[in-house]
Amino acid sequence: MNPRAPLQALLDREAIRECLYRYCRGIDRVDEEALRSAYWEDATDCHGAWNGSAEGFITQALQRLRQGGRRVHQVNNIAIELHGDVAAVESGFFALQAPADAPAKRTLLCGRYLDRFERRQGEWRIAARTVVYDWIEERERPELTRSDAVLFGARQPAGCAAPNDMLYALLRDVRAADNEAKP
């Protein structure tokens, strides 16, 4: 057995988790670059009403997401089974959504992403995704129509789309400091 195999397996699992987190950031922050970086160009996605290319899913999702609304996606219980350059990955997800065209309608979705990940040129990304829905709950929440200043009050800043979300200022600052520190 290769003595580096256990370390490589840890590195592979971490790369897969990072990819899943980029997907969530891409959706929640409407960050097209992060969203696209989670999928291979020839990937497929079976995502509820959408069943086709990941490119098609991304295009239609970005059109809807850019209209506004609120959303939070979190992944958990990430089970990764590695098989060389392919992995079977089951990730639980929790998503809260309030679309721009119905801001008072809150939808809670829970389910699982069943992903075939592939490593190509040393990088792991989703090659095929099927979303399995295990729970849905829809409620009217009129308070969600309020402005961020009223809704969140002193709990500022509130999350928003890229590039205005505070995350992107943090990333710019840290990257700039890192570049300045390099000889």
Protein backbone atom coordinates (compact mmCIF):
# COMPACT_ATOMS: atom_id res chain seq x y z
CA MET A 1 0.00 0.00 0.00
CA ASN A 2 1.21 3.48 -0.82
CA PRO A 3 2.10 5.21 2.49
CA ARG A 4 0.82 8.52 1.07
CA ALA A 5 -2.63 7.06 0.24
CA PRO A 6 -4.30 7.99 3.57
CA LEU A 7 -3.03 11.58 3.28
CA GLN A 8 -4.20 11.81 -0.34
CA ALA A 9 -7.64 10.53 0.68
CA LEU A 10 -7.87 13.30 3.30
CA LEU A 11 -6.81 15.90 0.72
CA ASP A 12 -9.36 14.56 -1.79
CA ARG A 13 -12.17 14.65 0.76
CA GLU A 14 -11.31 18.21 1.76
CA ALA A 15 -11.23 19.33 -1.89
CA ILE A 16 -14.69 17.80 -2.42
CA ARG A 17 -16.05 19.56 0.69
CA GLU A 18 -14.60 22.88 -0.50
CA CYS A 19 -16.35 22.39 -3.84
CA LEU A 20 -19.68 21.81 -2.09
CA TYR A 21 -19.18 24.99 -0.06
CA ARG A 22 -18.39 26.95 -3.25
CA TYR A 23 -21.67 25.74 -4.71
CA CYS A 24 -23.58 27.05 -1.67
CA ARG A 25 -21.73 30.39 -1.84
CA GLY A 26 -22.46 30.62 -5.55
CA ILE A 27 -26.20 30.16 -5.01
CA ASP A 28 -26.55 32.27 -1.86
CA ARG A 29 -24.34 35.17 -2.92
CA VAL A 30 -25.30 34.96 -6.64
CA ASP A 31 -21.59 34.46 -7.31
CA GLU A 32 -21.42 33.12 -10.84
CA GLU A 33 -17.71 32.30 -10.69
CA ALA A 34 -18.11 30.25 -7.49
CA LEU A 35 -21.19 28.47 -8.86
CA ARG A 36 -19.56 27.56 -12.16
CA SER A 37 -16.39 26.38 -10.41
CA ALA A 38 -18.38 23.66 -8.62
CA TYR A 39 -19.28 21.83 -11.87
CA TRP A 40 -17.35 20.43 -14.79
CA GLU A 41 -18.34 22.05 -18.11
CA ASP A 42 -19.98 18.80 -19.30
CA ALA A 43 -21.77 18.09 -15.99
CA THR A 44 -25.44 17.21 -15.66
CA ASP A 45 -27.89 18.29 -12.98
CA CYS A 46 -31.28 16.83 -12.04
CA HIS A 47 -32.55 19.58 -9.74
CA GLY A 48 -36.28 19.30 -9.18
CA ALA A 49 -37.98 20.80 -12.21
CA TRP A 50 -34.61 21.08 -14.00
CA ASN A 51 -33.12 17.96 -15.55
CA GLY A 52 -30.35 18.57 -18.04
CA SER A 53 -26.95 20.14 -18.34
CA ALA A 54 -25.40 21.87 -15.35
CA GLU A 55 -24.78 24.82 -17.70
CA GLY A 56 -28.53 25.07 -18.30
CA PHE A 57 -29.24 24.83 -14.58
CA ILE A 58 -26.70 27.55 -13.80
CA THR A 59 -28.06 29.86 -16.51
CA GLN A 60 -31.68 29.58 -15.37
CA ALA A 61 -30.75 29.73 -11.68
CA LEU A 62 -28.68 32.91 -12.12
CA GLN A 63 -31.52 34.60 -14.03
CA ARG A 64 -33.88 33.91 -11.12
CA LEU A 65 -31.36 34.67 -8.37
CA ARG A 66 -30.37 38.02 -9.89
CA GLN A 67 -33.96 39.19 -9.42
CA GLY A 68 -33.34 39.25 -5.67
CA GLY A 69 -34.93 37.45 -2.78
CA ARG A 70 -33.34 35.74 0.18
CA ARG A 71 -31.73 32.33 0.42
CA VAL A 72 -29.47 30.31 2.66
CA HIS A 73 -28.01 26.91 1.77
CA GLN A 74 -26.05 24.73 4.17
CA VAL A 75 -24.62 21.28 3.61
CA ASN A 76 -24.11 18.66 6.28
CA ASN A 77 -23.57 14.93 6.80
CA ILE A 78 -21.17 14.81 3.86
CA ALA A 79 -20.41 11.16 3.07
CA ILE A 80 -17.64 10.66 0.52
CA GLU A 81 -16.75 7.32 -1.03
CA LEU A 82 -13.54 7.60 -3.05
CA HIS A 83 -12.76 5.35 -6.02
CA GLY A 84 -9.61 6.66 -7.67
CA ASP A 85 -10.54 9.73 -9.74
CA VAL A 86 -14.28 9.28 -9.09
CA ALA A 87 -16.25 9.73 -5.88
CA ALA A 88 -19.82 9.08 -4.82
CA VAL A 89 -20.87 11.90 -2.50
CA GLU A 90 -24.07 12.23 -0.47
CA SER A 91 -24.56 15.62 1.22
CA GLY A 92 -27.52 16.65 3.28
CA PHE A 93 -28.74 20.17 2.61
CA PHE A 94 -30.88 22.70 4.37
CA ALA A 95 -32.20 25.59 2.26
CA LEU A 96 -34.37 28.54 3.21
CA GLN A 97 -35.71 30.52 0.28
CA ALA A 98 -37.89 33.59 -0.22
CA PRO A 99 -38.04 34.48 -3.94
CA ALA A 100 -38.05 38.05 -5.22
CA ASP A 101 -41.47 37.63 -6.86
CA ALA A 102 -43.04 36.38 -3.58
CA PRO A 103 -40.87 37.76 -0.75
CA ALA A 104 -43.40 36.84 1.97
CA LYS A 105 -43.36 33.16 0.95
CA ARG A 106 -40.71 31.28 2.89
CA THR A 107 -39.82 27.78 1.72
CA LEU A 108 -37.77 25.38 3.80
CA LEU A 109 -36.24 22.56 1.78
CA CYS A 110 -34.22 19.69 3.19
CA GLY A 111 -32.78 16.90 1.16
CA ARG A 112 -29.64 15.43 -0.26
CA TYR A 113 -27.28 16.16 -3.10
CA LEU A 114 -26.24 12.87 -4.68
CA ASP A 115 -23.13 13.78 -6.63
CA ARG A 116 -20.72 11.97 -8.86
CA PHE A 117 -17.49 13.90 -8.42
CA GLU A 118 -14.58 13.51 -10.81
CA ARG A 119 -10.97 14.54 -10.41
CA ARG A 120 -9.55 15.94 -13.62
CA GLN A 121 -6.05 17.41 -13.82
CA GLY A 122 -5.91 17.14 -10.03
CA GLU A 123 -9.15 19.09 -9.38
CA TRP A 124 -12.42 17.72 -7.98
CA ARG A 125 -15.76 18.99 -9.31
CA ILE A 126 -19.31 17.74 -9.76
CA ALA A 127 -19.80 15.67 -12.92
CA ALA A 128 -23.41 14.64 -12.25
CA ARG A 129 -25.85 15.79 -9.57
CA THR A 130 -29.27 14.48 -8.54
CA VAL A 131 -31.14 16.40 -5.87
CA VAL A 132 -33.35 14.26 -3.61
CA TYR A 133 -35.96 16.18 -1.62
CA ASP A 134 -36.80 14.83 1.84
CA TRP A 135 -38.70 17.75 3.39
CA ILE A 136 -40.57 20.86 2.27
CA GLU A 137 -42.38 23.42 4.34
CA GLU A 138 -43.92 26.59 2.95
CA ARG A 139 -45.17 29.44 5.07
CA GLU A 140 -46.28 33.02 4.61
CA ARG A 141 -43.95 35.39 6.45
CA PRO A 142 -45.10 39.00 5.80
CA GLU A 143 -42.17 40.42 7.81
CA LEU A 144 -39.79 39.22 5.08
CA THR A 145 -41.08 42.01 2.82
CA ARG A 146 -39.56 44.67 5.11
CA SER A 147 -36.33 46.43 4.24
CA ASP A 148 -33.08 45.02 5.63
CA ALA A 149 -32.77 48.01 7.96
CA VAL A 150 -36.18 47.28 9.50
CA LEU A 151 -36.02 43.47 9.30
CA PHE A 152 -32.55 43.09 10.81
CA GLY A 153 -32.45 46.31 12.85
CA ALA A 154 -29.16 46.55 14.72
CA ARG A 155 -28.08 43.18 13.29
CA GLN A 156 -26.11 44.70 10.44
CA PRO A 157 -24.61 44.14 7.97
CA ALA A 158 -27.16 41.90 6.33
CA GLY A 159 -26.14 39.39 3.67
CA CYS A 160 -26.52 40.31 0.03
CA ALA A 161 -25.38 39.31 -3.44
CA ALA A 162 -21.82 39.48 -4.71
CA PRO A 163 -19.82 41.67 -4.92
CA ASN A 164 -21.50 43.80 -2.23
CA ASP A 165 -21.67 41.14 0.49
CA MET A 166 -19.13 41.72 3.27
CA LEU A 167 -17.43 38.42 2.39
CA TYR A 168 -15.94 39.95 -0.75
CA ALA A 169 -14.41 42.89 1.16
CA LEU A 170 -12.84 40.39 3.57
CA LEU A 171 -11.46 38.33 0.68
CA ARG A 172 -10.04 41.45 -1.03
CA ASP A 173 -8.34 42.57 2.21
CA VAL A 174 -6.84 39.17 3.01
CA ARG A 175 -5.65 38.63 -0.57
CA ALA A 176 -4.13 42.12 -0.73
CA ALA A 177 -2.27 41.58 2.56
CA ASP A 178 -1.03 38.22 1.31
CA ASN A 179 0.23 39.78 -1.93
CA GLU A 180 2.01 42.54 0.00
CA ALA A 181 3.71 39.97 2.24
CA LYS A 182 5.15 38.02 -0.69
CA PRO A 183 8.64 39.04 -1.83
